[in-house]
Amino acid sequence: MKHVLLAEDDPDTATAIKATLEERLDITVDHVTNGALVLDQMSATHPDLVILDVSMPGLNGIDVFDLLRGTASCADVPVLFLTAVPDQAFARFGVSDVMAKPFDSDALVRRVDDLIARTAKVA
């Protein structure tokens, strides 16, 4: 079974994402509520994909992404950003994918499935 790490500070959004993905894909979703917890959770679960909310208290999604890319064991894990401001220049950061909030559940499932499948082919 594949593992996804979701960093999302809004509990309603996190619950909806977790429920949708676990019901429709053969994955487990672990959830943290802030960016500071991502690296610890990465070490504990070694996820196949990280979903980051851009706007989180403390370490925001961009800060967390920079930390992940600077950590050898996390550098190759794909990242999907969820943001209410999708027009930011994420490509220059090496981001795997970006989705605008609010998002369509079907589109989220397709993107997560695609990113995990791409990772599996590389492994």
N, C-alpha and C. Protein backbone atom coordinates (compact mmCIF):
# COMPACT_ATOMS: atom_id res chain seq x y z
N MET A 1 0.84 -1.18 0.00
CA MET A 1 0.00 0.00 0.00
C MET A 1 0.88 1.25 0.00
N LYS A 2 0.50 2.22 -0.78
CA LYS A 2 1.24 3.49 -0.87
C LYS A 2 0.83 4.42 0.27
N HIS A 3 1.78 5.31 0.63
CA HIS A 3 1.54 6.27 1.70
C HIS A 3 1.64 7.70 1.17
N VAL A 4 0.71 8.53 1.60
CA VAL A 4 0.71 9.94 1.26
C VAL A 4 0.77 10.72 2.57
N LEU A 5 1.59 11.75 2.60
CA LEU A 5 1.65 12.65 3.75
C LEU A 5 0.97 13.95 3.35
N LEU A 6 -0.04 14.33 4.10
CA LEU A 6 -0.80 15.55 3.86
C LEU A 6 -0.48 16.56 4.95
N ALA A 7 0.03 17.72 4.56
CA ALA A 7 0.26 18.83 5.49
C ALA A 7 -0.77 19.90 5.18
N GLU A 8 -1.78 19.99 6.04
CA GLU A 8 -2.91 20.89 5.82
C GLU A 8 -3.40 21.37 7.18
N ASP A 9 -3.46 22.70 7.37
CA ASP A 9 -3.86 23.24 8.67
C ASP A 9 -5.37 23.35 8.86
N ASP A 10 -6.15 23.30 7.79
CA ASP A 10 -7.60 23.38 7.92
C ASP A 10 -8.16 21.97 8.15
N PRO A 11 -8.76 21.72 9.32
CA PRO A 11 -9.22 20.36 9.62
C PRO A 11 -10.30 19.84 8.68
N ASP A 12 -11.20 20.70 8.23
CA ASP A 12 -12.26 20.24 7.32
C ASP A 12 -11.69 19.84 5.97
N THR A 13 -10.75 20.64 5.45
CA THR A 13 -10.11 20.31 4.18
C THR A 13 -9.32 19.02 4.31
N ALA A 14 -8.57 18.88 5.39
CA ALA A 14 -7.76 17.69 5.60
C ALA A 14 -8.63 16.43 5.69
N THR A 15 -9.72 16.53 6.40
CA THR A 15 -10.63 15.38 6.54
C THR A 15 -11.22 14.99 5.20
N ALA A 16 -11.61 15.97 4.41
CA ALA A 16 -12.19 15.69 3.09
C ALA A 16 -11.15 15.06 2.16
N ILE A 17 -9.94 15.58 2.16
CA ILE A 17 -8.89 15.03 1.29
C ILE A 17 -8.57 13.60 1.70
N LYS A 18 -8.35 13.38 2.97
CA LYS A 18 -8.01 12.05 3.48
C LYS A 18 -9.10 11.04 3.13
N ALA A 19 -10.36 11.38 3.40
CA ALA A 19 -11.48 10.48 3.12
C ALA A 19 -11.58 10.17 1.63
N THR A 20 -11.49 11.19 0.81
CA THR A 20 -11.60 11.01 -0.65
C THR A 20 -10.51 10.10 -1.18
N LEU A 21 -9.27 10.38 -0.80
CA LEU A 21 -8.16 9.59 -1.33
C LEU A 21 -8.17 8.15 -0.84
N GLU A 22 -8.45 7.96 0.44
CA GLU A 22 -8.44 6.60 0.99
C GLU A 22 -9.60 5.76 0.48
N GLU A 23 -10.74 6.40 0.18
CA GLU A 23 -11.89 5.67 -0.36
C GLU A 23 -11.67 5.27 -1.82
N ARG A 24 -10.96 6.10 -2.57
CA ARG A 24 -10.90 5.90 -4.02
C ARG A 24 -9.58 5.33 -4.53
N LEU A 25 -8.55 5.35 -3.70
CA LEU A 25 -7.25 4.81 -4.10
C LEU A 25 -6.76 3.83 -3.03
N ASP A 26 -5.87 2.96 -3.41
CA ASP A 26 -5.30 2.01 -2.44
C ASP A 26 -4.11 2.66 -1.74
N ILE A 27 -4.41 3.66 -0.89
CA ILE A 27 -3.37 4.40 -0.19
C ILE A 27 -3.78 4.68 1.25
N THR A 28 -2.78 5.01 2.05
CA THR A 28 -2.99 5.49 3.41
C THR A 28 -2.55 6.94 3.44
N VAL A 29 -3.35 7.81 4.04
CA VAL A 29 -3.00 9.22 4.14
C VAL A 29 -2.72 9.55 5.61
N ASP A 30 -1.49 10.01 5.87
CA ASP A 30 -1.12 10.51 7.18
C ASP A 30 -1.25 12.02 7.13
N HIS A 31 -1.73 12.62 8.21
CA HIS A 31 -1.99 14.05 8.22
C HIS A 31 -1.24 14.75 9.33
N VAL A 32 -0.59 15.87 8.99
CA VAL A 32 -0.01 16.76 9.98
C VAL A 32 -0.63 18.14 9.76
N THR A 33 -0.67 18.93 10.84
CA THR A 33 -1.37 20.21 10.77
C THR A 33 -0.47 21.40 10.53
N ASN A 34 0.84 21.18 10.52
CA ASN A 34 1.74 22.30 10.24
C ASN A 34 3.04 21.81 9.61
N GLY A 35 3.73 22.73 8.98
CA GLY A 35 4.94 22.39 8.25
C GLY A 35 6.06 21.86 9.11
N ALA A 36 6.12 22.28 10.37
CA ALA A 36 7.20 21.84 11.24
C ALA A 36 7.16 20.34 11.51
N LEU A 37 6.01 19.72 11.36
CA LEU A 37 5.88 18.29 11.63
C LEU A 37 6.18 17.40 10.42
N VAL A 38 6.35 17.99 9.26
CA VAL A 38 6.51 17.20 8.03
C VAL A 38 7.76 16.35 8.05
N LEU A 39 8.91 16.90 8.38
CA LEU A 39 10.15 16.12 8.35
C LEU A 39 10.12 14.95 9.31
N ASP A 40 9.58 15.16 10.52
CA ASP A 40 9.47 14.05 11.47
C ASP A 40 8.58 12.95 10.91
N GLN A 41 7.47 13.33 10.32
CA GLN A 41 6.55 12.34 9.76
C GLN A 41 7.17 11.65 8.54
N MET A 42 7.96 12.39 7.76
CA MET A 42 8.65 11.79 6.61
C MET A 42 9.56 10.67 7.08
N SER A 43 10.30 10.91 8.16
CA SER A 43 11.22 9.90 8.69
C SER A 43 10.46 8.68 9.21
N ALA A 44 9.29 8.92 9.79
CA ALA A 44 8.52 7.83 10.37
C ALA A 44 7.81 6.96 9.34
N THR A 45 7.31 7.57 8.26
CA THR A 45 6.46 6.81 7.33
C THR A 45 7.02 6.65 5.92
N HIS A 46 8.02 7.42 5.54
CA HIS A 46 8.60 7.36 4.19
C HIS A 46 7.51 7.37 3.10
N PRO A 47 6.77 8.47 3.00
CA PRO A 47 5.64 8.51 2.06
C PRO A 47 6.08 8.49 0.60
N ASP A 48 5.14 8.09 -0.25
CA ASP A 48 5.37 8.06 -1.69
C ASP A 48 5.03 9.39 -2.34
N LEU A 49 4.31 10.24 -1.61
CA LEU A 49 3.89 11.55 -2.10
C LEU A 49 3.63 12.46 -0.91
N VAL A 50 3.96 13.73 -1.06
CA VAL A 50 3.65 14.73 -0.04
C VAL A 50 2.69 15.75 -0.67
N ILE A 51 1.60 16.03 0.03
CA ILE A 51 0.67 17.07 -0.38
C ILE A 51 0.82 18.21 0.61
N LEU A 52 1.22 19.38 0.11
CA LEU A 52 1.49 20.52 0.97
C LEU A 52 0.52 21.67 0.70
N ASP A 53 -0.07 22.15 1.77
CA ASP A 53 -0.81 23.41 1.70
C ASP A 53 0.25 24.50 1.68
N VAL A 54 0.10 25.49 0.83
CA VAL A 54 1.08 26.56 0.75
C VAL A 54 1.00 27.46 1.98
N SER A 55 -0.21 27.83 2.38
CA SER A 55 -0.39 28.77 3.49
C SER A 55 -0.67 28.03 4.78
N MET A 56 0.39 27.78 5.54
CA MET A 56 0.27 27.15 6.85
C MET A 56 0.97 28.04 7.86
N PRO A 57 0.53 27.99 9.12
CA PRO A 57 1.23 28.77 10.14
C PRO A 57 2.64 28.23 10.38
N GLY A 58 3.53 29.10 10.80
CA GLY A 58 4.91 28.66 11.02
C GLY A 58 5.60 28.47 9.70
N LEU A 59 6.09 27.26 9.45
CA LEU A 59 6.71 26.94 8.17
C LEU A 59 5.62 26.80 7.11
N ASN A 60 5.66 27.62 6.08
CA ASN A 60 4.68 27.47 5.01
C ASN A 60 5.12 26.38 4.04
N GLY A 61 4.29 26.09 3.06
CA GLY A 61 4.58 25.02 2.13
C GLY A 61 5.87 25.20 1.36
N ILE A 62 6.19 26.41 0.97
CA ILE A 62 7.44 26.67 0.24
C ILE A 62 8.64 26.39 1.14
N ASP A 63 8.58 26.83 2.40
CA ASP A 63 9.67 26.55 3.34
C ASP A 63 9.86 25.05 3.54
N VAL A 64 8.75 24.33 3.68
CA VAL A 64 8.83 22.89 3.87
C VAL A 64 9.42 22.23 2.63
N PHE A 65 8.98 22.67 1.45
CA PHE A 65 9.51 22.12 0.20
C PHE A 65 11.02 22.31 0.12
N ASP A 66 11.51 23.49 0.49
CA ASP A 66 12.95 23.74 0.48
C ASP A 66 13.67 22.80 1.42
N LEU A 67 13.10 22.56 2.60
CA LEU A 67 13.71 21.63 3.56
C LEU A 67 13.73 20.20 3.01
N LEU A 68 12.64 19.79 2.37
CA LEU A 68 12.58 18.45 1.80
C LEU A 68 13.63 18.26 0.72
N ARG A 69 13.74 19.23 -0.16
CA ARG A 69 14.71 19.12 -1.25
C ARG A 69 16.15 19.17 -0.75
N GLY A 70 16.37 19.73 0.43
CA GLY A 70 17.70 19.79 1.02
C GLY A 70 18.04 18.59 1.89
N THR A 71 17.11 17.65 2.03
CA THR A 71 17.32 16.45 2.83
C THR A 71 17.43 15.26 1.89
N ALA A 72 18.57 14.59 1.91
CA ALA A 72 18.84 13.52 0.94
C ALA A 72 17.74 12.46 0.89
N SER A 73 17.24 12.04 2.02
CA SER A 73 16.24 10.97 2.04
C SER A 73 14.87 11.42 1.53
N CYS A 74 14.67 12.73 1.42
CA CYS A 74 13.36 13.27 1.00
C CYS A 74 13.41 13.95 -0.36
N ALA A 75 14.58 14.11 -0.92
CA ALA A 75 14.75 14.95 -2.11
C ALA A 75 13.98 14.45 -3.33
N ASP A 76 13.75 13.15 -3.44
CA ASP A 76 13.09 12.61 -4.62
C ASP A 76 11.60 12.36 -4.46
N VAL A 77 11.06 12.63 -3.29
CA VAL A 77 9.64 12.40 -3.05
C VAL A 77 8.84 13.50 -3.78
N PRO A 78 7.88 13.11 -4.63
CA PRO A 78 7.10 14.12 -5.34
C PRO A 78 6.23 14.92 -4.37
N VAL A 79 6.00 16.17 -4.74
CA VAL A 79 5.21 17.08 -3.92
C VAL A 79 4.08 17.67 -4.77
N LEU A 80 2.89 17.65 -4.21
CA LEU A 80 1.73 18.30 -4.81
C LEU A 80 1.34 19.45 -3.90
N PHE A 81 1.39 20.66 -4.44
CA PHE A 81 0.98 21.84 -3.68
C PHE A 81 -0.51 22.07 -3.86
N LEU A 82 -1.18 22.40 -2.76
CA LEU A 82 -2.56 22.88 -2.80
C LEU A 82 -2.52 24.33 -2.38
N THR A 83 -3.09 25.20 -3.20
CA THR A 83 -3.00 26.62 -2.90
C THR A 83 -4.22 27.39 -3.39
N ALA A 84 -4.56 28.40 -2.65
CA ALA A 84 -5.62 29.31 -3.08
C ALA A 84 -5.07 30.34 -4.06
N VAL A 85 -3.74 30.36 -4.22
CA VAL A 85 -3.06 31.33 -5.09
C VAL A 85 -2.22 30.55 -6.11
N PRO A 86 -2.85 29.88 -7.10
CA PRO A 86 -2.13 29.02 -8.02
C PRO A 86 -1.26 29.74 -9.04
N ASP A 87 -1.35 31.06 -9.11
CA ASP A 87 -0.59 31.77 -10.13
C ASP A 87 0.85 32.06 -9.70
N GLN A 88 1.24 31.62 -8.51
CA GLN A 88 2.63 31.79 -8.10
C GLN A 88 3.52 30.96 -9.02
N ALA A 89 4.78 31.34 -9.13
CA ALA A 89 5.71 30.67 -10.04
C ALA A 89 6.32 29.43 -9.39
N PHE A 90 5.54 28.37 -9.26
CA PHE A 90 6.00 27.16 -8.59
C PHE A 90 7.00 26.36 -9.42
N ALA A 91 6.95 26.46 -10.74
CA ALA A 91 7.83 25.66 -11.58
C ALA A 91 9.30 25.91 -11.27
N ARG A 92 9.64 27.12 -10.91
CA ARG A 92 11.04 27.42 -10.63
C ARG A 92 11.54 26.73 -9.37
N PHE A 93 10.62 26.25 -8.54
CA PHE A 93 11.01 25.54 -7.32
C PHE A 93 11.18 24.04 -7.55
N GLY A 94 10.84 23.54 -8.73
CA GLY A 94 10.93 22.11 -8.99
C GLY A 94 9.75 21.34 -8.43
N VAL A 95 8.61 21.98 -8.33
CA VAL A 95 7.42 21.37 -7.76
C VAL A 95 6.82 20.37 -8.77
N SER A 96 6.42 19.21 -8.29
CA SER A 96 5.85 18.18 -9.14
C SER A 96 4.50 18.60 -9.72
N ASP A 97 3.66 19.23 -8.92
CA ASP A 97 2.34 19.60 -9.40
C ASP A 97 1.71 20.60 -8.44
N VAL A 98 0.79 21.41 -8.97
CA VAL A 98 0.08 22.41 -8.18
C VAL A 98 -1.40 22.31 -8.51
N MET A 99 -2.24 22.36 -7.46
CA MET A 99 -3.69 22.39 -7.65
C MET A 99 -4.25 23.60 -6.92
N ALA A 100 -5.20 24.25 -7.55
CA ALA A 100 -5.85 25.40 -6.94
C ALA A 100 -6.94 24.94 -5.98
N LYS A 101 -7.08 25.66 -4.88
CA LYS A 101 -8.20 25.46 -3.97
C LYS A 101 -9.27 26.48 -4.33
N PRO A 102 -10.52 26.16 -4.28
CA PRO A 102 -11.05 24.81 -4.05
C PRO A 102 -10.80 23.94 -5.27
N PHE A 103 -10.75 22.65 -5.05
CA PHE A 103 -10.43 21.73 -6.13
C PHE A 103 -11.54 20.70 -6.29
N ASP A 104 -11.57 20.09 -7.45
CA ASP A 104 -12.52 19.04 -7.77
C ASP A 104 -11.96 17.72 -7.24
N SER A 105 -12.75 16.96 -6.53
CA SER A 105 -12.29 15.69 -5.94
C SER A 105 -11.79 14.72 -6.99
N ASP A 106 -12.47 14.63 -8.11
CA ASP A 106 -12.04 13.72 -9.17
C ASP A 106 -10.66 14.12 -9.70
N ALA A 107 -10.45 15.41 -9.88
CA ALA A 107 -9.15 15.89 -10.36
C ALA A 107 -8.05 15.60 -9.34
N LEU A 108 -8.35 15.77 -8.06
CA LEU A 108 -7.36 15.47 -7.02
C LEU A 108 -6.98 14.00 -7.04
N VAL A 109 -7.96 13.14 -7.14
CA VAL A 109 -7.70 11.69 -7.18
C VAL A 109 -6.83 11.34 -8.39
N ARG A 110 -7.16 11.91 -9.54
CA ARG A 110 -6.37 11.63 -10.76
C ARG A 110 -4.92 12.10 -10.59
N ARG A 111 -4.72 13.29 -10.04
CA ARG A 111 -3.37 13.81 -9.87
C ARG A 111 -2.56 12.99 -8.89
N VAL A 112 -3.16 12.64 -7.78
CA VAL A 112 -2.45 11.83 -6.78
C VAL A 112 -2.10 10.47 -7.37
N ASP A 113 -3.05 9.83 -8.04
CA ASP A 113 -2.81 8.53 -8.66
C ASP A 113 -1.68 8.62 -9.68
N ASP A 114 -1.69 9.67 -10.50
CA ASP A 114 -0.67 9.86 -11.52
C ASP A 114 0.72 10.07 -10.90
N LEU A 115 0.80 10.91 -9.89
CA LEU A 115 2.10 11.18 -9.25
C LEU A 115 2.66 9.93 -8.58
N ILE A 116 1.81 9.15 -7.94
CA ILE A 116 2.27 7.91 -7.30
C ILE A 116 2.70 6.91 -8.37
N ALA A 117 1.95 6.82 -9.46
CA ALA A 117 2.31 5.89 -10.54
C ALA A 117 3.65 6.27 -11.17
N ARG A 118 3.89 7.57 -11.36
CA ARG A 118 5.18 8.03 -11.90
C ARG A 118 6.32 7.65 -10.98
N THR A 119 6.11 7.77 -9.68
CA THR A 119 7.14 7.44 -8.69
C THR A 119 7.42 5.95 -8.73
N ALA A 120 6.38 5.13 -8.85
CA ALA A 120 6.54 3.68 -8.88
C ALA A 120 7.35 3.25 -10.10
N LYS A 121 7.15 3.92 -11.24
CA LYS A 121 7.90 3.57 -12.45
C LYS A 121 9.38 3.88 -12.31
N VAL A 122 9.72 4.93 -11.58
CA VAL A 122 11.11 5.33 -11.39
C VAL A 122 11.81 4.39 -10.43
N ALA A 123 11.08 3.90 -9.44
CA ALA A 123 11.67 3.06 -8.38
C ALA A 123 12.11 1.71 -8.85
